[in-house]
N, C-alpha and C. Protein backbone atom coordinates (compact mmCIF):
# COMPACT_ATOMS: atom_id res chain seq x y z
N MET A 1 -222.83 23.71 145.45
CA MET A 1 -222.34 25.25 145.82
C MET A 1 -223.25 26.03 144.65
N THR A 2 -222.47 27.31 145.63
CA THR A 2 -223.23 27.82 144.81
C THR A 2 -222.46 29.28 143.51
N ASP A 3 -223.33 29.65 142.97
CA ASP A 3 -222.40 30.79 141.88
C ASP A 3 -220.95 31.23 142.42
N ALA A 4 -221.32 32.26 144.19
CA ALA A 4 -220.67 32.62 144.97
C ALA A 4 -219.19 32.14 145.23
N GLU A 5 -219.95 30.19 145.58
CA GLU A 5 -218.33 30.21 145.98
C GLU A 5 -217.84 29.47 144.40
N THR A 6 -218.17 29.50 143.68
CA THR A 6 -217.28 28.84 142.31
C THR A 6 -216.51 29.91 141.90
N PRO A 7 -215.65 30.34 141.12
CA PRO A 7 -214.32 31.08 141.23
C PRO A 7 -214.84 31.40 139.18
N TYR A 8 -215.21 30.05 138.71
CA TYR A 8 -214.94 30.64 136.93
C TYR A 8 -216.80 30.70 136.66
N VAL A 9 -217.41 31.35 137.31
CA VAL A 9 -218.86 31.69 137.13
C VAL A 9 -218.96 33.28 136.67
N ALA A 10 -219.02 33.48 135.83
CA ALA A 10 -219.07 34.79 135.72
C ALA A 10 -220.16 35.68 136.43
N GLY A 11 -219.81 36.77 136.97
CA GLY A 11 -220.40 37.98 137.78
C GLY A 11 -219.59 38.92 138.28
N PRO A 12 -220.09 39.67 139.67
CA PRO A 12 -219.57 41.01 139.99
C PRO A 12 -218.27 40.13 140.41
N ALA A 13 -217.54 41.49 139.84
CA ALA A 13 -215.41 41.35 140.17
C ALA A 13 -215.94 41.16 141.48
N ARG A 14 -215.70 41.63 142.88
CA ARG A 14 -215.73 41.38 143.64
C ARG A 14 -216.86 40.21 144.60
N ARG A 15 -216.86 39.83 144.83
CA ARG A 15 -217.41 38.80 146.07
C ARG A 15 -217.69 39.17 147.18
N PRO A 16 -219.08 39.23 148.18
CA PRO A 16 -218.37 38.86 149.59
C PRO A 16 -217.80 37.41 149.95
N VAL A 17 -216.68 37.95 150.95
CA VAL A 17 -216.25 36.69 151.51
C VAL A 17 -216.35 36.43 152.83
N ASP A 18 -217.21 35.03 152.93
CA ASP A 18 -217.11 34.49 154.50
C ASP A 18 -215.53 33.91 154.58
N ARG A 19 -215.58 34.39 155.73
CA ARG A 19 -214.44 34.00 156.58
C ARG A 19 -214.67 32.76 156.83
N ASP A 20 -215.30 33.01 157.63
CA ASP A 20 -215.57 31.83 158.63
C ASP A 20 -215.69 30.66 158.04
N ALA A 21 -216.66 30.79 156.43
CA ALA A 21 -216.99 29.14 155.99
C ALA A 21 -215.67 28.69 155.61
N LEU A 22 -215.10 30.18 154.98
CA LEU A 22 -214.25 29.44 153.86
C LEU A 22 -212.47 29.19 154.99
N ARG A 23 -212.71 29.11 156.67
CA ARG A 23 -211.29 28.76 157.50
C ARG A 23 -212.09 27.45 157.74
N ALA A 24 -213.25 27.10 157.94
CA ALA A 24 -214.07 25.86 158.55
C ALA A 24 -213.89 24.88 156.98
N ARG A 25 -213.93 25.37 155.47
CA ARG A 25 -213.58 24.31 154.84
C ARG A 25 -212.25 24.10 154.31
N ILE A 26 -211.44 25.23 154.81
CA ILE A 26 -210.04 24.75 154.50
C ILE A 26 -208.94 25.24 154.90
N PRO A 27 -208.26 23.87 155.15
CA PRO A 27 -207.57 23.91 156.70
C PRO A 27 -206.00 24.91 156.24
N GLY A 28 -206.03 26.41 157.88
CA GLY A 28 -205.24 27.26 157.09
C GLY A 28 -205.16 28.53 156.44
N TRP A 29 -206.84 28.07 156.08
CA TRP A 29 -206.57 30.47 155.51
C TRP A 29 -207.21 30.78 156.18
N GLY A 30 -206.23 31.73 155.81
CA GLY A 30 -206.72 33.23 156.64
C GLY A 30 -205.09 33.29 157.62
N ALA A 31 -204.47 32.53 157.77
CA ALA A 31 -203.19 31.92 158.59
C ALA A 31 -202.85 33.47 158.69
N ASP A 32 -202.44 34.15 157.57
CA ASP A 32 -201.66 35.48 157.34
C ASP A 32 -202.53 36.65 157.48
N LEU A 33 -203.85 36.58 157.75
CA LEU A 33 -204.82 37.71 157.90
C LEU A 33 -203.71 38.90 158.72
N ASP A 34 -204.00 38.37 159.64
CA ASP A 34 -203.42 39.50 161.03
C ASP A 34 -201.27 39.51 160.69
N PRO A 35 -201.49 41.28 160.59
CA PRO A 35 -200.18 41.60 160.47
C PRO A 35 -199.27 41.00 161.47
N ALA A 36 -199.64 41.12 162.42
CA ALA A 36 -198.74 40.68 163.82
C ALA A 36 -198.83 38.86 163.58
N ASP A 37 -198.77 37.97 163.25
CA ASP A 37 -198.70 36.59 162.21
C ASP A 37 -197.72 37.01 161.57
N ARG A 38 -197.37 37.68 160.35
CA ARG A 38 -196.60 37.62 159.28
C ARG A 38 -195.44 38.69 159.38
N PRO A 39 -194.24 37.59 159.37
CA PRO A 39 -193.09 37.65 159.66
C PRO A 39 -192.52 38.58 158.77
N SER A 40 -192.85 39.04 157.12
CA SER A 40 -192.71 40.39 156.27
C SER A 40 -193.17 41.24 156.82
N TYR A 41 -194.61 41.59 157.03
CA TYR A 41 -195.45 42.57 157.97
C TYR A 41 -194.21 43.85 157.41
N PRO A 42 -193.38 43.78 158.45
CA PRO A 42 -192.84 45.52 158.55
C PRO A 42 -192.30 45.51 157.19
N ARG A 43 -191.65 44.89 156.61
CA ARG A 43 -191.59 45.51 155.05
C ARG A 43 -192.67 45.83 154.22
N GLU A 44 -193.88 45.38 154.56
CA GLU A 44 -195.02 45.72 153.98
C GLU A 44 -195.21 47.43 154.07
N VAL A 45 -194.71 47.95 154.38
CA VAL A 45 -195.28 49.27 155.61
C VAL A 45 -194.42 50.38 154.93
N TYR A 46 -194.74 51.20 153.65
CA TYR A 46 -193.82 52.05 153.42
C TYR A 46 -193.55 53.45 154.81
N ASP A 47 -192.05 52.90 154.77
CA ASP A 47 -191.63 54.15 155.99
C ASP A 47 -190.08 54.36 154.98
N PRO A 48 -190.02 54.87 154.23
CA PRO A 48 -188.86 55.36 153.40
C PRO A 48 -187.87 56.59 154.31
N ALA A 49 -187.96 56.96 155.72
CA ALA A 49 -187.30 56.70 157.24
C ALA A 49 -186.82 56.14 157.48
N ALA A 50 -187.43 54.70 157.57
CA ALA A 50 -186.51 54.12 158.50
C ALA A 50 -185.27 53.68 157.70
N THR A 51 -185.42 53.45 156.26
CA THR A 51 -184.16 52.87 155.16
C THR A 51 -183.09 53.56 155.24
N GLY A 52 -183.37 54.80 155.42
CA GLY A 52 -182.68 55.58 155.14
C GLY A 52 -182.35 56.19 153.60
N ALA A 53 -183.14 56.22 152.87
CA ALA A 53 -182.84 56.61 151.85
C ALA A 53 -183.73 57.85 151.83
N HIS A 54 -182.98 58.68 150.67
CA HIS A 54 -183.57 60.09 150.67
C HIS A 54 -183.35 60.37 149.12
N TRP A 55 -184.22 60.05 148.52
CA TRP A 55 -184.54 60.37 147.15
C TRP A 55 -185.75 59.14 146.94
N ASP A 56 -186.41 59.14 145.64
CA ASP A 56 -187.51 58.33 145.80
C ASP A 56 -187.21 57.66 144.66
N LEU A 57 -186.10 57.63 143.62
CA LEU A 57 -185.59 57.14 142.40
C LEU A 57 -184.04 57.51 142.79
N PRO A 58 -183.36 56.66 142.52
CA PRO A 58 -181.68 56.54 143.01
C PRO A 58 -181.32 57.93 141.62
N GLU A 59 -180.38 57.98 141.65
CA GLU A 59 -179.78 59.03 140.64
C GLU A 59 -179.11 57.64 139.35
N ALA A 60 -179.81 58.04 138.16
CA ALA A 60 -179.13 57.34 137.05
C ALA A 60 -178.14 56.38 137.35
N GLN A 61 -177.48 55.72 136.28
CA GLN A 61 -176.03 55.54 135.76
C GLN A 61 -176.01 56.82 135.26
N PRO A 62 -174.94 57.15 134.45
CA PRO A 62 -174.49 57.53 133.39
C PRO A 62 -174.59 56.54 131.70
N GLU A 63 -175.59 56.88 130.66
CA GLU A 63 -175.57 55.95 129.59
C GLU A 63 -174.21 56.44 128.99
N LEU A 64 -173.08 56.27 128.73
CA LEU A 64 -172.35 56.62 127.82
C LEU A 64 -172.22 55.51 126.34
N ARG A 65 -173.30 54.74 126.10
CA ARG A 65 -173.58 54.13 124.94
C ARG A 65 -175.01 53.94 124.86
N PRO A 66 -175.57 53.62 123.99
CA PRO A 66 -177.09 53.60 123.72
C PRO A 66 -177.02 52.16 124.87
N ARG A 67 -177.71 51.94 125.06
CA ARG A 67 -178.30 50.08 126.06
C ARG A 67 -179.72 50.03 125.27
N GLU A 68 -179.87 48.75 125.37
CA GLU A 68 -181.07 47.83 125.64
C GLU A 68 -181.88 47.53 126.16
N ARG A 69 -182.71 48.05 125.98
CA ARG A 69 -184.20 47.99 127.59
C ARG A 69 -185.20 47.56 126.54
N SER A 70 -186.12 46.34 126.82
CA SER A 70 -187.18 45.73 127.00
C SER A 70 -188.62 46.66 126.43
N VAL A 71 -189.27 46.80 125.10
CA VAL A 71 -190.44 47.58 124.94
C VAL A 71 -191.30 47.94 126.07
N GLU A 72 -190.94 46.90 127.02
CA GLU A 72 -192.47 46.53 128.15
C GLU A 72 -191.94 47.55 129.29
N HIS A 73 -191.06 48.63 128.81
CA HIS A 73 -189.82 49.16 130.57
C HIS A 73 -190.04 50.76 129.70
N ALA A 74 -190.39 51.62 129.87
CA ALA A 74 -190.20 53.20 129.64
C ALA A 74 -188.71 53.84 129.51
N ARG A 75 -188.37 53.42 130.78
CA ARG A 75 -187.14 53.98 131.07
C ARG A 75 -186.00 52.38 131.11
N LEU A 76 -184.53 52.84 130.99
CA LEU A 76 -183.73 51.77 131.90
C LEU A 76 -183.65 52.07 133.49
N THR A 77 -183.02 50.85 133.70
CA THR A 77 -183.40 50.62 135.33
C THR A 77 -182.01 51.73 135.66
N PRO A 78 -181.92 52.30 137.06
CA PRO A 78 -180.93 53.17 137.53
C PRO A 78 -179.45 53.06 137.21
N VAL A 79 -179.16 51.29 137.45
CA VAL A 79 -177.69 50.45 137.22
C VAL A 79 -177.90 49.74 136.75
N PHE A 80 -177.39 49.56 135.25
CA PHE A 80 -177.06 48.48 134.44
C PHE A 80 -176.17 48.05 134.43
N GLY A 81 -175.89 46.74 133.53
CA GLY A 81 -174.41 46.26 133.10
C GLY A 81 -173.65 46.65 131.88
N THR A 82 -172.09 47.18 131.55
CA THR A 82 -171.33 47.66 131.20
C THR A 82 -170.07 46.62 130.93
N SER A 83 -170.44 45.31 131.30
CA SER A 83 -169.55 44.58 131.15
C SER A 83 -168.94 43.96 130.40
N ALA A 84 -170.00 43.66 128.92
CA ALA A 84 -170.19 42.84 128.00
C ALA A 84 -171.14 44.09 126.33
N PRO A 85 -170.84 45.06 126.10
CA PRO A 85 -171.53 46.34 124.81
C PRO A 85 -171.71 45.21 123.97
N LEU A 86 -173.11 45.82 124.00
CA LEU A 86 -172.90 45.05 122.03
C LEU A 86 -172.32 45.21 121.00
N HIS A 87 -171.84 44.89 120.03
CA HIS A 87 -170.59 44.96 119.16
C HIS A 87 -170.88 43.88 117.89
N GLY A 88 -170.61 44.78 116.33
CA GLY A 88 -170.70 44.08 115.80
C GLY A 88 -172.17 43.22 115.36
N ALA A 89 -171.97 42.47 114.11
CA ALA A 89 -174.03 41.94 113.46
C ALA A 89 -174.50 41.28 114.76
N SER A 90 -173.63 40.78 115.87
CA SER A 90 -174.73 40.02 116.92
C SER A 90 -175.21 41.01 117.54
N GLY A 91 -174.79 42.20 118.08
CA GLY A 91 -175.42 43.43 118.46
C GLY A 91 -176.17 44.10 117.69
N ALA A 92 -176.09 43.94 116.78
CA ALA A 92 -177.20 44.58 115.59
C ALA A 92 -178.48 43.73 115.96
N VAL A 93 -178.14 41.84 115.72
CA VAL A 93 -178.96 41.46 115.88
C VAL A 93 -179.94 40.76 117.12
N ARG A 94 -179.26 41.70 118.06
CA ARG A 94 -179.92 41.53 119.66
C ARG A 94 -180.62 43.13 119.68
N ARG A 95 -179.84 44.27 119.08
CA ARG A 95 -181.13 45.09 119.69
C ARG A 95 -182.13 45.63 118.97
N LEU A 96 -182.23 44.81 117.59
CA LEU A 96 -183.38 44.26 116.79
C LEU A 96 -184.78 43.82 117.82
N ALA A 97 -184.29 42.83 118.92
CA ALA A 97 -185.09 41.30 119.57
C ALA A 97 -185.25 42.30 120.52
N TYR A 98 -184.74 43.55 120.99
CA TYR A 98 -184.89 44.25 121.76
C TYR A 98 -185.92 45.62 121.53
N ARG A 99 -185.65 46.00 120.27
CA ARG A 99 -186.35 47.69 119.93
C ARG A 99 -187.73 46.68 119.22
N ARG A 100 -187.90 45.51 118.72
CA ARG A 100 -189.09 45.00 118.27
C ARG A 100 -190.28 44.73 118.99
N PHE A 101 -189.85 43.41 120.07
CA PHE A 101 -189.72 42.36 119.93
C PHE A 101 -190.56 42.36 121.56
N SER A 102 -191.33 42.17 122.25
CA SER A 102 -191.79 41.82 123.97
C SER A 102 -190.99 40.62 124.13
N GLU A 103 -190.77 40.98 125.53
CA GLU A 103 -190.01 40.21 126.54
C GLU A 103 -190.85 38.51 126.54
N GLY A 104 -192.17 38.50 125.93
CA GLY A 104 -193.19 37.72 125.74
C GLY A 104 -193.19 37.08 124.98
N ARG A 105 -192.97 37.46 123.75
CA ARG A 105 -193.19 36.91 121.75
C ARG A 105 -191.28 36.39 121.95
N ALA A 106 -191.94 34.86 121.22
CA ALA A 106 -190.89 34.21 121.21
C ALA A 106 -189.76 34.59 120.10
N ALA A 107 -190.38 35.49 118.73
CA ALA A 107 -189.04 35.91 118.37
C ALA A 107 -188.08 36.65 118.82
N HIS A 108 -188.27 37.43 120.26
CA HIS A 108 -187.12 38.01 121.09
C HIS A 108 -186.27 37.11 121.41
N TRP A 109 -186.64 35.97 122.09
CA TRP A 109 -185.79 35.31 122.55
C TRP A 109 -184.89 34.16 121.37
N PHE A 110 -185.93 34.04 120.19
CA PHE A 110 -185.00 33.10 118.86
C PHE A 110 -184.00 34.77 118.95
N LEU A 111 -184.40 35.85 118.22
CA LEU A 111 -182.99 36.64 118.45
C LEU A 111 -182.02 37.04 119.04
N LEU A 112 -182.58 37.00 120.15
CA LEU A 112 -181.23 36.87 120.99
C LEU A 112 -180.67 35.47 121.06
N LEU A 113 -181.12 34.13 120.68
CA LEU A 113 -180.52 33.44 120.14
C LEU A 113 -179.16 33.02 119.73
N LEU A 114 -179.91 33.38 118.54
CA LEU A 114 -179.19 33.87 117.53
C LEU A 114 -178.65 34.61 117.15
N GLY A 115 -178.59 35.36 118.35
CA GLY A 115 -177.35 37.18 118.31
C GLY A 115 -176.44 36.02 118.84
N ASP A 116 -175.79 35.01 119.90
CA ASP A 116 -174.61 34.29 120.49
C ASP A 116 -174.52 33.37 119.49
N ARG A 117 -175.50 32.96 118.67
CA ARG A 117 -175.16 31.91 117.26
C ARG A 117 -173.72 32.87 116.56
N VAL A 118 -173.93 34.26 116.34
CA VAL A 118 -173.62 35.32 115.45
C VAL A 118 -172.35 35.69 116.35
N ASP A 119 -172.14 35.64 117.22
CA ASP A 119 -171.27 36.16 118.13
C ASP A 119 -170.04 35.13 118.54
N ALA A 120 -170.67 33.83 118.34
CA ALA A 120 -169.41 32.78 118.13
C ALA A 120 -169.22 33.03 116.54
N VAL A 121 -169.73 32.89 115.94
CA VAL A 121 -168.93 32.88 114.69
C VAL A 121 -167.92 34.17 114.46
N GLU A 122 -168.56 35.05 114.84
CA GLU A 122 -167.88 36.02 115.19
C GLU A 122 -166.43 36.36 115.96
N SER A 123 -166.44 35.69 117.06
CA SER A 123 -165.22 35.48 118.15
C SER A 123 -164.72 34.77 116.88
N HIS A 124 -164.78 33.49 116.37
CA HIS A 124 -164.08 32.45 115.85
C HIS A 124 -163.43 33.15 114.41
N VAL A 125 -164.07 33.98 114.16
CA VAL A 125 -163.24 34.95 112.75
C VAL A 125 -162.49 35.47 113.16
N ARG A 126 -162.75 36.21 114.88
CA ARG A 126 -161.54 36.98 114.70
C ARG A 126 -160.13 36.48 115.30
N SER A 127 -160.54 35.38 115.89
CA SER A 127 -159.51 34.51 116.02
C SER A 127 -158.63 34.00 115.22
N LEU A 128 -158.95 33.72 114.46
CA LEU A 128 -158.74 33.35 112.74
C LEU A 128 -157.26 34.48 112.27
N ALA A 129 -158.31 35.55 112.39
CA ALA A 129 -157.14 37.00 112.18
C ALA A 129 -156.88 37.07 113.34
N SER A 130 -156.42 36.68 114.24
CA SER A 130 -155.06 36.68 115.41
C SER A 130 -153.86 36.21 115.54
N ARG A 131 -152.82 36.18 116.20
CA ARG A 131 -151.36 35.47 116.28
C ARG A 131 -152.00 34.11 117.11
N ARG A 132 -153.19 33.69 117.54
CA ARG A 132 -153.00 32.83 117.93
C ARG A 132 -154.55 31.80 117.93
N PRO A 133 -154.70 31.89 116.92
CA PRO A 133 -156.50 31.45 116.53
C PRO A 133 -156.71 30.52 117.33
N ASP A 134 -158.14 29.46 117.08
CA ASP A 134 -159.03 28.99 118.01
C ASP A 134 -158.60 27.52 117.09
N ASP A 135 -157.92 26.87 118.26
CA ASP A 135 -157.23 24.58 117.92
C ASP A 135 -158.37 24.24 118.28
N PRO A 136 -159.48 24.00 117.38
CA PRO A 136 -160.96 22.73 117.46
C PRO A 136 -160.26 21.88 118.12
N VAL A 137 -158.85 21.05 118.21
CA VAL A 137 -158.60 20.16 118.32
C VAL A 137 -158.31 19.92 119.68
N THR A 138 -158.03 20.90 119.89
CA THR A 138 -157.46 20.75 121.59
C THR A 138 -158.76 21.28 122.57
N GLU A 139 -159.61 22.26 121.78
CA GLU A 139 -160.21 22.74 122.82
C GLU A 139 -161.47 22.23 122.87
N THR A 140 -162.01 21.40 122.35
CA THR A 140 -163.10 20.18 122.19
C THR A 140 -162.54 19.11 122.59
N GLY A 141 -161.50 18.92 123.36
CA GLY A 141 -161.40 17.57 123.95
C GLY A 141 -161.46 16.31 123.51
N VAL A 142 -161.17 16.24 121.66
CA VAL A 142 -161.01 15.25 121.33
C VAL A 142 -159.69 14.46 121.66
N LEU A 143 -158.46 15.07 121.52
CA LEU A 143 -157.81 14.20 122.12
C LEU A 143 -157.48 13.91 123.45
N ALA A 144 -158.57 14.36 124.26
CA ALA A 144 -159.16 13.41 125.80
C ALA A 144 -159.54 11.98 125.86
N GLU A 145 -160.14 12.04 124.27
CA GLU A 145 -160.36 10.74 123.85
C GLU A 145 -159.53 9.73 124.92
N ALA A 146 -158.78 9.72 124.08
CA ALA A 146 -157.85 8.88 123.64
C ALA A 146 -157.10 8.80 124.90
N ARG A 147 -156.45 10.04 125.25
CA ARG A 147 -155.58 10.30 126.41
C ARG A 147 -156.18 10.11 127.70
N ALA A 148 -157.65 10.21 128.39
CA ALA A 148 -158.34 9.95 129.21
C ALA A 148 -159.34 9.50 129.79
N HIS A 149 -159.44 7.96 129.37
CA HIS A 149 -160.23 6.87 128.97
C HIS A 149 -161.93 7.28 128.79
N GLY A 150 -161.57 8.17 127.58
CA GLY A 150 -162.89 8.21 127.05
C GLY A 150 -163.89 7.52 126.76
N ILE A 151 -164.03 6.36 126.13
CA ILE A 151 -164.48 4.96 126.09
C ILE A 151 -165.17 4.49 127.98
N ALA A 152 -163.88 4.27 128.60
CA ALA A 152 -164.22 3.41 129.75
C ALA A 152 -165.46 4.52 130.44
N SER A 153 -165.06 5.95 130.71
CA SER A 153 -165.77 7.22 131.29
C SER A 153 -166.84 6.98 130.86
N ARG A 154 -167.55 6.54 129.87
CA ARG A 154 -169.00 6.59 129.40
C ARG A 154 -169.72 5.27 129.97
N ARG A 155 -168.74 4.37 130.29
CA ARG A 155 -169.86 3.44 130.69
C ARG A 155 -170.75 4.19 131.80
N GLY A 156 -171.95 3.32 132.40
CA GLY A 156 -173.08 3.87 133.29
C GLY A 156 -173.96 4.69 133.57
N ARG A 157 -173.10 5.41 132.10
CA ARG A 157 -173.95 6.62 132.30
C ARG A 157 -175.32 6.92 131.46
N VAL A 158 -175.77 7.70 131.97
CA VAL A 158 -177.30 7.70 131.68
C VAL A 158 -177.16 7.81 130.34
N ASP A 159 -177.32 9.18 129.77
CA ASP A 159 -177.31 9.78 128.18
C ASP A 159 -176.69 8.43 127.27
N VAL A 160 -176.47 7.76 127.44
CA VAL A 160 -175.55 6.21 125.69
C VAL A 160 -176.08 6.72 125.02
N ARG A 161 -177.75 7.28 125.00
CA ARG A 161 -178.10 7.32 123.27
C ARG A 161 -177.26 8.65 122.39
N HIS A 162 -177.21 9.34 123.74
CA HIS A 162 -176.79 10.48 122.76
C HIS A 162 -175.60 10.15 122.73
N GLN A 163 -174.51 9.70 123.16
CA GLN A 163 -172.94 10.03 122.71
C GLN A 163 -172.68 10.22 121.75
N VAL A 164 -173.33 8.94 120.78
CA VAL A 164 -173.02 8.52 119.67
C VAL A 164 -173.40 10.48 118.39
N LEU A 165 -174.18 11.60 119.97
CA LEU A 165 -174.02 12.60 118.40
C LEU A 165 -172.73 14.00 118.90
N ASP A 166 -172.29 13.21 119.78
CA ASP A 166 -171.60 14.52 120.37
C ASP A 166 -170.20 14.29 119.26
N PRO A 167 -169.86 13.85 118.62
CA PRO A 167 -168.93 14.58 117.81
C PRO A 167 -169.54 14.94 116.31
N VAL A 168 -170.44 14.23 116.19
CA VAL A 168 -171.25 16.02 115.71
C VAL A 168 -171.60 16.60 115.80
N VAL A 169 -172.11 17.07 117.10
CA VAL A 169 -172.70 18.59 117.34
C VAL A 169 -171.15 19.27 117.52
N VAL A 170 -169.84 18.66 118.12
CA VAL A 170 -168.40 19.58 118.51
C VAL A 170 -168.03 19.38 116.71
N ALA A 171 -167.91 18.31 116.21
CA ALA A 171 -166.82 18.30 115.40
C ALA A 171 -167.53 18.87 113.41
N GLY A 172 -169.04 18.78 113.68
CA GLY A 172 -169.34 19.10 112.56
C GLY A 172 -169.90 20.55 111.92
N PRO A 173 -169.71 21.96 112.45
CA PRO A 173 -169.47 23.11 112.43
C PRO A 173 -167.96 22.98 111.89
N TRP A 174 -167.35 22.39 112.61
CA TRP A 174 -165.23 22.94 112.05
C TRP A 174 -165.87 21.97 110.85
N VAL A 175 -166.02 20.81 109.96
CA VAL A 175 -166.37 19.71 109.17
C VAL A 175 -167.04 21.02 107.91
N ALA A 176 -167.78 21.67 108.55
CA ALA A 176 -168.67 22.53 107.85
C ALA A 176 -168.11 23.76 107.07
N ALA A 177 -168.01 24.32 108.25
CA ALA A 177 -166.88 25.12 107.42
C ALA A 177 -165.83 24.90 107.03
N VAL A 178 -164.88 23.72 107.13
CA VAL A 178 -163.77 23.53 105.80
C VAL A 178 -164.38 23.17 105.08
N GLY A 179 -165.36 22.81 104.93
CA GLY A 179 -166.43 22.12 103.66
C GLY A 179 -166.69 23.56 102.58
N ALA A 180 -166.93 24.61 103.59
CA ALA A 180 -167.58 25.67 102.35
C ALA A 180 -166.04 26.57 101.72
N GLY A 181 -165.63 26.73 102.98
CA GLY A 181 -164.33 27.18 102.33
C GLY A 181 -163.75 26.58 101.00
N ALA A 182 -163.43 25.34 101.47
CA ALA A 182 -163.07 24.42 100.20
C ALA A 182 -163.52 24.64 99.19
N TRP A 183 -164.92 24.87 98.62
CA TRP A 183 -165.64 25.02 98.05
C TRP A 183 -165.42 26.54 96.93
N ALA A 184 -165.32 27.45 98.85
CA ALA A 184 -165.33 28.66 97.94
C ALA A 184 -164.13 28.64 97.61
N VAL A 185 -162.59 28.36 97.84
CA VAL A 185 -161.27 28.20 96.73
C VAL A 185 -161.48 27.59 95.75
N ARG A 186 -162.33 26.71 95.62
CA ARG A 186 -162.75 25.65 94.42
C ARG A 186 -163.43 26.81 93.66
N ALA A 187 -164.16 27.05 94.14
CA ALA A 187 -164.99 28.06 92.43
C ALA A 187 -164.16 29.47 92.73
N LEU A 188 -163.56 29.89 93.52
CA LEU A 188 -162.56 30.91 92.84
C LEU A 188 -161.57 30.51 91.81
N VAL A 189 -161.31 29.30 92.26
CA VAL A 189 -160.14 28.64 90.86
C VAL A 189 -160.49 28.29 89.78
N ARG A 190 -161.39 27.57 90.02
CA ARG A 190 -162.43 27.36 88.33
C ARG A 190 -162.57 29.20 87.58
N ARG A 191 -163.29 29.77 88.17
CA ARG A 191 -162.96 31.29 88.09
C ARG A 191 -162.55 31.85 87.26
N ALA A 192 -161.48 32.02 87.87
CA ALA A 192 -159.90 32.72 87.53
C ALA A 192 -158.82 31.92 86.07
N ARG A 193 -159.82 30.14 85.72
CA ARG A 193 -159.46 29.72 84.82
C ARG A 193 -159.85 30.25 83.23
N ARG A 194 -161.55 30.44 84.02
CA ARG A 194 -161.94 31.06 82.60
C ARG A 194 -161.66 32.33 81.88
């Protein structure tokens, strides 16, 4: 094999391509060279008049509040979602992820995950302040374990070893929150007695 045939050898950026040699060596090579054989070819032709488009860039949707965008992009897309605007501490964490880090960095995605966790905590706190707070007993399905054959439904499942973690994952945060609350109340009572 010569240097021209080896793709990982340093050399000129553009090497001459011997189409006949490639076609002989690789079955089916060059099947899409002829535009007539490519079903996508008409879409590859730039012809705005054929689509009915009368603009180069669509009219931008009004940005009523500042929207997050990745640092890779110079501007927002012409149309963007507004159904779940950023809010509270979780919004600040997500804005930081978009403002500081590229989408190619793990820190960007870590901060977005952290923002989701913060949003979950914020929604639990908001529910405690409402007239209908979250009910961890019924909403986590704990009662269904006894009523809907919880043990029997687990037989034959692949994830049997992980099932012992289910109560920890579901109830753990609630137990930790109750423990932290009890610790805080106890500390306040001790401080009040002094």
